[in-house]
Every structure is written in structure tokens, then in C-alpha cells.
N, C-alpha and C. Protein backbone atom coordinates (compact mmCIF):
# COMPACT_ATOMS: atom_id res chain seq x y z
N MET A 1 126.11 -19.15 51.80
CA MET A 1 126.01 -18.04 52.74
C MET A 1 126.47 -16.74 52.08
N HIS A 2 127.60 -16.80 51.41
CA HIS A 2 128.08 -15.58 50.75
C HIS A 2 127.13 -15.14 49.64
N THR A 3 126.53 -16.09 48.94
CA THR A 3 125.63 -15.74 47.84
C THR A 3 124.40 -15.03 48.37
N GLU A 4 123.83 -15.50 49.46
CA GLU A 4 122.64 -14.85 50.02
C GLU A 4 122.96 -13.44 50.50
N GLU A 5 124.10 -13.28 51.16
CA GLU A 5 124.48 -11.95 51.62
C GLU A 5 124.70 -11.01 50.44
N ARG A 6 125.31 -11.54 49.39
CA ARG A 6 125.57 -10.72 48.22
C ARG A 6 124.25 -10.31 47.54
N LEU A 7 123.30 -11.25 47.46
CA LEU A 7 122.01 -10.94 46.85
C LEU A 7 121.27 -9.87 47.66
N ILE A 8 121.34 -9.99 48.96
CA ILE A 8 120.66 -9.02 49.81
C ILE A 8 121.31 -7.64 49.66
N ALA A 9 122.62 -7.62 49.55
CA ALA A 9 123.33 -6.35 49.46
C ALA A 9 123.14 -5.70 48.09
N VAL A 10 123.07 -6.52 47.03
CA VAL A 10 123.02 -5.98 45.67
C VAL A 10 121.59 -5.69 45.24
N GLU A 11 120.65 -6.51 45.67
CA GLU A 11 119.27 -6.38 45.22
C GLU A 11 118.66 -5.09 45.75
N PRO A 12 118.20 -4.21 44.86
CA PRO A 12 117.59 -2.96 45.34
C PRO A 12 116.22 -3.24 45.95
N VAL A 13 115.95 -2.54 47.02
CA VAL A 13 114.66 -2.70 47.69
C VAL A 13 113.71 -1.66 47.12
N LEU A 14 112.63 -2.12 46.54
CA LEU A 14 111.65 -1.20 45.96
C LEU A 14 110.62 -0.85 47.02
N VAL A 15 110.60 0.41 47.39
CA VAL A 15 109.64 0.88 48.39
C VAL A 15 108.55 1.63 47.66
N ALA A 16 107.33 1.14 47.78
CA ALA A 16 106.20 1.79 47.11
C ALA A 16 105.83 3.06 47.88
N GLU A 17 105.90 4.19 47.21
CA GLU A 17 105.53 5.44 47.86
C GLU A 17 104.01 5.55 47.89
N PRO A 18 103.45 5.76 49.05
CA PRO A 18 101.99 5.86 49.12
C PRO A 18 101.49 7.15 48.49
N GLY A 19 100.27 7.12 47.98
CA GLY A 19 99.67 8.33 47.43
C GLY A 19 99.12 9.19 48.55
N PHE A 20 98.07 9.90 48.25
CA PHE A 20 97.45 10.73 49.27
C PHE A 20 96.73 9.85 50.27
N THR A 21 96.96 10.10 51.54
CA THR A 21 96.27 9.35 52.57
C THR A 21 94.98 10.07 52.94
N THR A 22 94.15 9.43 53.72
CA THR A 22 92.90 10.05 54.17
C THR A 22 93.19 11.30 54.98
N GLU A 23 94.26 11.25 55.79
CA GLU A 23 94.62 12.42 56.59
C GLU A 23 94.99 13.61 55.71
N ASP A 24 95.73 13.35 54.62
CA ASP A 24 96.10 14.43 53.69
C ASP A 24 94.86 15.06 53.07
N ILE A 25 93.92 14.23 52.65
CA ILE A 25 92.70 14.74 52.01
C ILE A 25 91.87 15.54 52.99
N LEU A 26 91.72 15.04 54.22
CA LEU A 26 90.95 15.78 55.23
C LEU A 26 91.62 17.11 55.56
N TRP A 27 92.95 17.11 55.64
CA TRP A 27 93.67 18.35 55.93
C TRP A 27 93.45 19.37 54.82
N ALA A 28 93.54 18.92 53.56
CA ALA A 28 93.35 19.84 52.44
C ALA A 28 91.92 20.37 52.40
N VAL A 29 90.94 19.50 52.64
CA VAL A 29 89.54 19.95 52.65
C VAL A 29 89.32 20.95 53.78
N GLY A 30 89.93 20.71 54.93
CA GLY A 30 89.80 21.65 56.05
C GLY A 30 90.38 23.01 55.74
N ILE A 31 91.57 23.02 55.15
CA ILE A 31 92.21 24.29 54.82
C ILE A 31 91.38 25.05 53.79
N TRP A 32 90.91 24.35 52.74
CA TRP A 32 90.13 25.04 51.71
C TRP A 32 88.79 25.52 52.27
N SER A 33 88.19 24.78 53.19
CA SER A 33 86.93 25.24 53.76
C SER A 33 87.13 26.52 54.58
N VAL A 34 88.24 26.59 55.30
CA VAL A 34 88.54 27.82 56.06
C VAL A 34 88.77 28.98 55.10
N ILE A 35 89.54 28.74 54.04
CA ILE A 35 89.83 29.82 53.08
C ILE A 35 88.54 30.31 52.42
N LEU A 36 87.71 29.37 51.96
CA LEU A 36 86.49 29.78 51.26
C LEU A 36 85.46 30.39 52.21
N THR A 37 85.49 30.01 53.48
CA THR A 37 84.56 30.61 54.44
C THR A 37 84.99 32.01 54.83
N MET A 38 86.29 32.24 54.95
CA MET A 38 86.78 33.54 55.38
C MET A 38 86.81 34.57 54.26
N THR A 39 86.84 34.15 53.00
CA THR A 39 86.98 35.08 51.89
C THR A 39 85.87 36.13 51.85
N PRO A 40 84.58 35.78 51.98
CA PRO A 40 83.56 36.83 51.95
C PRO A 40 83.70 37.83 53.10
N MET A 41 84.09 37.33 54.27
CA MET A 41 84.28 38.25 55.40
C MET A 41 85.44 39.20 55.17
N ILE A 42 86.51 38.70 54.57
CA ILE A 42 87.66 39.56 54.28
C ILE A 42 87.28 40.60 53.24
N VAL A 43 86.56 40.20 52.20
CA VAL A 43 86.13 41.14 51.16
C VAL A 43 85.21 42.19 51.75
N PHE A 44 84.26 41.77 52.59
CA PHE A 44 83.34 42.71 53.22
C PHE A 44 84.10 43.70 54.09
N TYR A 45 85.07 43.21 54.86
CA TYR A 45 85.89 44.08 55.71
C TYR A 45 86.67 45.09 54.88
N MET A 46 87.26 44.61 53.78
CA MET A 46 88.04 45.52 52.93
C MET A 46 87.14 46.59 52.31
N LEU A 47 85.91 46.22 51.95
CA LEU A 47 85.00 47.22 51.36
C LEU A 47 84.56 48.22 52.42
N MET A 48 84.38 47.79 53.66
CA MET A 48 83.96 48.70 54.71
C MET A 48 85.07 49.65 55.12
N VAL A 49 86.30 49.17 55.13
CA VAL A 49 87.43 50.00 55.56
C VAL A 49 87.87 50.94 54.46
N ALA A 50 87.86 50.48 53.23
CA ALA A 50 88.38 51.29 52.12
C ALA A 50 87.50 52.48 51.82
């Protein structure tokens, strides 16, 4: 009993960190699509105002 408790307490638990999830990729694609879509409008606005 003591040996099992000691093994559990001493043995490090290796937690695998997940990579990019599908949600992360969709979020990044969404943000970049908004940025790339808005850029020509912002440039056009700046040229019209300046």
C-alpha cells in the first residue's frame, strides 16, 4: 500500500499539450479574412480623405 502511494506521488504525470485545434485554425482564418477584406477599404478611405 505504501509503495503504490509513493509511486503515485513520485511519478510525474506527463500531460501531452495539444497543438492547434480546429477552433484555433478557424478563428485565425476568420481574423485574417476580416483584415484582408478591410484593408482595401481602409486604403481607399485614407486616399479619399488625405
